[in-house]
Amino acid sequence: MSTQDELRRLEEDLARLKASTADLRSQISDMGATDAVERSAMLSMADEQDGLIAELESRRDELRSRLDLS
């Protein structure tokens, strides 16, 4: 797979993950007063997704740098 293909796929994955995380956080906000354990689990999942987003963004930056040097 070329660097450009990998970058394109990574950008698509990032867009999906960001949308999913935003939706999850929206659901948490809309829940109001609810089961604290469920809310905590959802917040933890959103935080984990944020961490994955940061890792993917770092990888994206590396790929972009590689393309600039080519």
N, C-alpha and C. Protein backbone atom coordinates (compact mmCIF):
# COMPACT_ATOMS: atom_id res chain seq x y z
N MET A 1 0.85 -1.17 0.00
CA MET A 1 0.00 0.00 0.00
C MET A 1 0.90 1.24 0.00
N SER A 2 0.57 2.18 -0.85
CA SER A 2 1.38 3.39 -0.92
C SER A 2 1.10 4.28 0.29
N THR A 3 2.00 5.20 0.53
CA THR A 3 1.84 6.14 1.64
C THR A 3 0.57 6.97 1.44
N GLN A 4 0.31 7.35 0.20
CA GLN A 4 -0.90 8.14 -0.06
C GLN A 4 -2.16 7.34 0.22
N ASP A 5 -2.17 6.07 -0.15
CA ASP A 5 -3.32 5.21 0.14
C ASP A 5 -3.50 5.04 1.64
N GLU A 6 -2.40 4.83 2.34
CA GLU A 6 -2.46 4.67 3.79
C GLU A 6 -2.98 5.95 4.44
N LEU A 7 -2.53 7.09 3.96
CA LEU A 7 -2.98 8.37 4.50
C LEU A 7 -4.47 8.56 4.24
N ARG A 8 -4.93 8.24 3.05
CA ARG A 8 -6.34 8.39 2.73
C ARG A 8 -7.19 7.50 3.63
N ARG A 9 -6.77 6.25 3.81
CA ARG A 9 -7.50 5.33 4.66
C ARG A 9 -7.50 5.80 6.11
N LEU A 10 -6.37 6.31 6.55
CA LEU A 10 -6.26 6.82 7.91
C LEU A 10 -7.19 8.01 8.12
N GLU A 11 -7.26 8.91 7.14
CA GLU A 11 -8.15 10.07 7.23
C GLU A 11 -9.61 9.62 7.33
N GLU A 12 -9.98 8.60 6.57
CA GLU A 12 -11.35 8.06 6.62
C GLU A 12 -11.63 7.46 7.99
N ASP A 13 -10.68 6.69 8.51
CA ASP A 13 -10.84 6.09 9.84
C ASP A 13 -10.98 7.17 10.91
N LEU A 14 -10.15 8.20 10.81
CA LEU A 14 -10.22 9.30 11.77
C LEU A 14 -11.58 9.99 11.74
N ALA A 15 -12.09 10.24 10.56
CA ALA A 15 -13.39 10.91 10.43
C ALA A 15 -14.49 10.06 11.08
N ARG A 16 -14.47 8.75 10.82
CA ARG A 16 -15.48 7.87 11.42
C ARG A 16 -15.35 7.83 12.94
N LEU A 17 -14.12 7.71 13.42
CA LEU A 17 -13.90 7.62 14.86
C LEU A 17 -14.29 8.92 15.57
N LYS A 18 -13.95 10.05 14.97
CA LYS A 18 -14.33 11.34 15.56
C LYS A 18 -15.85 11.49 15.61
N ALA A 19 -16.54 11.08 14.55
CA ALA A 19 -18.00 11.15 14.53
C ALA A 19 -18.60 10.23 15.59
N SER A 20 -18.03 9.03 15.71
CA SER A 20 -18.51 8.08 16.71
C SER A 20 -18.32 8.61 18.13
N THR A 21 -17.16 9.20 18.38
CA THR A 21 -16.88 9.75 19.71
C THR A 21 -17.78 10.94 20.02
N ALA A 22 -18.00 11.79 19.04
CA ALA A 22 -18.89 12.93 19.24
C ALA A 22 -20.31 12.45 19.54
N ASP A 23 -20.75 11.42 18.82
CA ASP A 23 -22.08 10.85 19.05
C ASP A 23 -22.18 10.26 20.46
N LEU A 24 -21.14 9.56 20.87
CA LEU A 24 -21.12 8.95 22.20
C LEU A 24 -21.20 10.03 23.28
N ARG A 25 -20.42 11.09 23.13
CA ARG A 25 -20.45 12.17 24.12
C ARG A 25 -21.80 12.88 24.12
N SER A 26 -22.42 12.99 22.95
CA SER A 26 -23.75 13.58 22.86
C SER A 26 -24.77 12.72 23.60
N GLN A 27 -24.66 11.42 23.43
CA GLN A 27 -25.56 10.51 24.13
C GLN A 27 -25.39 10.65 25.65
N ILE A 28 -24.16 10.78 26.08
CA ILE A 28 -23.89 10.93 27.52
C ILE A 28 -24.54 12.22 28.02
N SER A 29 -24.41 13.29 27.26
CA SER A 29 -25.00 14.57 27.66
C SER A 29 -26.52 14.50 27.71
N ASP A 30 -27.11 13.76 26.76
CA ASP A 30 -28.56 13.66 26.69
C ASP A 30 -29.15 12.74 27.75
N MET A 31 -28.31 11.93 28.38
CA MET A 31 -28.79 10.95 29.35
C MET A 31 -29.36 11.61 30.60
N GLY A 32 -28.81 12.73 30.98
CA GLY A 32 -29.25 13.36 32.22
C GLY A 32 -28.92 12.48 33.40
N ALA A 33 -29.80 12.49 34.38
CA ALA A 33 -29.60 11.66 35.58
C ALA A 33 -29.88 10.21 35.21
N THR A 34 -28.85 9.39 35.29
CA THR A 34 -28.99 7.98 34.93
C THR A 34 -28.03 7.15 35.78
N ASP A 35 -27.97 5.91 35.49
CA ASP A 35 -27.11 4.99 36.22
C ASP A 35 -25.65 5.47 36.14
N ALA A 36 -25.06 5.73 37.29
CA ALA A 36 -23.70 6.26 37.34
C ALA A 36 -22.68 5.28 36.75
N VAL A 37 -22.90 3.99 36.92
CA VAL A 37 -21.97 3.00 36.39
C VAL A 37 -21.99 3.02 34.86
N GLU A 38 -23.18 3.08 34.28
CA GLU A 38 -23.30 3.11 32.82
C GLU A 38 -22.68 4.40 32.26
N ARG A 39 -22.96 5.50 32.92
CA ARG A 39 -22.42 6.79 32.48
C ARG A 39 -20.88 6.77 32.55
N SER A 40 -20.35 6.21 33.62
CA SER A 40 -18.91 6.12 33.79
C SER A 40 -18.29 5.25 32.71
N ALA A 41 -18.93 4.14 32.40
CA ALA A 41 -18.43 3.24 31.36
C ALA A 41 -18.42 3.94 30.00
N MET A 42 -19.46 4.70 29.71
CA MET A 42 -19.53 5.41 28.44
C MET A 42 -18.47 6.50 28.36
N LEU A 43 -18.26 7.20 29.47
CA LEU A 43 -17.21 8.22 29.50
C LEU A 43 -15.83 7.61 29.31
N SER A 44 -15.62 6.47 29.92
CA SER A 44 -14.34 5.76 29.77
C SER A 44 -14.13 5.36 28.31
N MET A 45 -15.18 4.86 27.67
CA MET A 45 -15.09 4.48 26.27
C MET A 45 -14.77 5.69 25.39
N ALA A 46 -15.41 6.81 25.66
CA ALA A 46 -15.16 8.04 24.90
C ALA A 46 -13.72 8.50 25.10
N ASP A 47 -13.23 8.41 26.33
CA ASP A 47 -11.84 8.80 26.61
C ASP A 47 -10.85 7.89 25.88
N GLU A 48 -11.15 6.59 25.84
CA GLU A 48 -10.29 5.66 25.12
C GLU A 48 -10.27 5.98 23.63
N GLN A 49 -11.43 6.34 23.09
CA GLN A 49 -11.51 6.71 21.69
C GLN A 49 -10.71 7.99 21.43
N ASP A 50 -10.77 8.93 22.36
CA ASP A 50 -9.97 10.16 22.22
C ASP A 50 -8.48 9.82 22.17
N GLY A 51 -8.06 8.86 22.98
CA GLY A 51 -6.66 8.43 22.96
C GLY A 51 -6.28 7.81 21.63
N LEU A 52 -7.17 7.00 21.09
CA LEU A 52 -6.93 6.38 19.79
C LEU A 52 -6.88 7.45 18.70
N ILE A 53 -7.75 8.43 18.78
CA ILE A 53 -7.74 9.54 17.82
C ILE A 53 -6.39 10.25 17.85
N ALA A 54 -5.89 10.50 19.04
CA ALA A 54 -4.58 11.17 19.17
C ALA A 54 -3.48 10.34 18.52
N GLU A 55 -3.51 9.02 18.72
CA GLU A 55 -2.51 8.15 18.11
C GLU A 55 -2.62 8.17 16.58
N LEU A 56 -3.84 8.12 16.07
CA LEU A 56 -4.04 8.14 14.63
C LEU A 56 -3.64 9.48 14.03
N GLU A 57 -3.91 10.56 14.75
CA GLU A 57 -3.50 11.88 14.26
C GLU A 57 -1.97 11.98 14.20
N SER A 58 -1.31 11.39 15.17
CA SER A 58 0.15 11.37 15.16
C SER A 58 0.66 10.59 13.95
N ARG A 59 0.05 9.45 13.71
CA ARG A 59 0.43 8.63 12.54
C ARG A 59 0.16 9.41 11.25
N ARG A 60 -0.96 10.11 11.18
CA ARG A 60 -1.30 10.91 10.01
C ARG A 60 -0.23 11.97 9.77
N ASP A 61 0.20 12.63 10.85
CA ASP A 61 1.23 13.65 10.73
C ASP A 61 2.54 13.07 10.20
N GLU A 62 2.88 11.86 10.67
CA GLU A 62 4.08 11.18 10.18
C GLU A 62 3.98 10.90 8.68
N LEU A 63 2.81 10.42 8.27
CA LEU A 63 2.61 10.11 6.84
C LEU A 63 2.68 11.39 5.99
N ARG A 64 2.08 12.43 6.48
CA ARG A 64 2.13 13.70 5.75
C ARG A 64 3.57 14.20 5.63
N SER A 65 4.34 14.07 6.68
CA SER A 65 5.74 14.48 6.64
C SER A 65 6.52 13.66 5.62
N ARG A 66 6.25 12.37 5.60
CA ARG A 66 6.91 11.49 4.65
C ARG A 66 6.59 11.89 3.21
N LEU A 67 5.35 12.26 2.96
CA LEU A 67 4.95 12.67 1.62
C LEU A 67 5.60 14.00 1.23
N ASP A 68 5.78 14.89 2.21
CA ASP A 68 6.41 16.18 1.93
C ASP A 68 7.89 16.00 1.57
N LEU A 69 8.51 14.98 2.14
CA LEU A 69 9.93 14.73 1.90
C LEU A 69 10.17 14.00 0.58
N SER A 70 9.13 13.35 0.08
CA SER A 70 9.29 12.57 -1.15
C SER A 70 9.46 13.45 -2.37
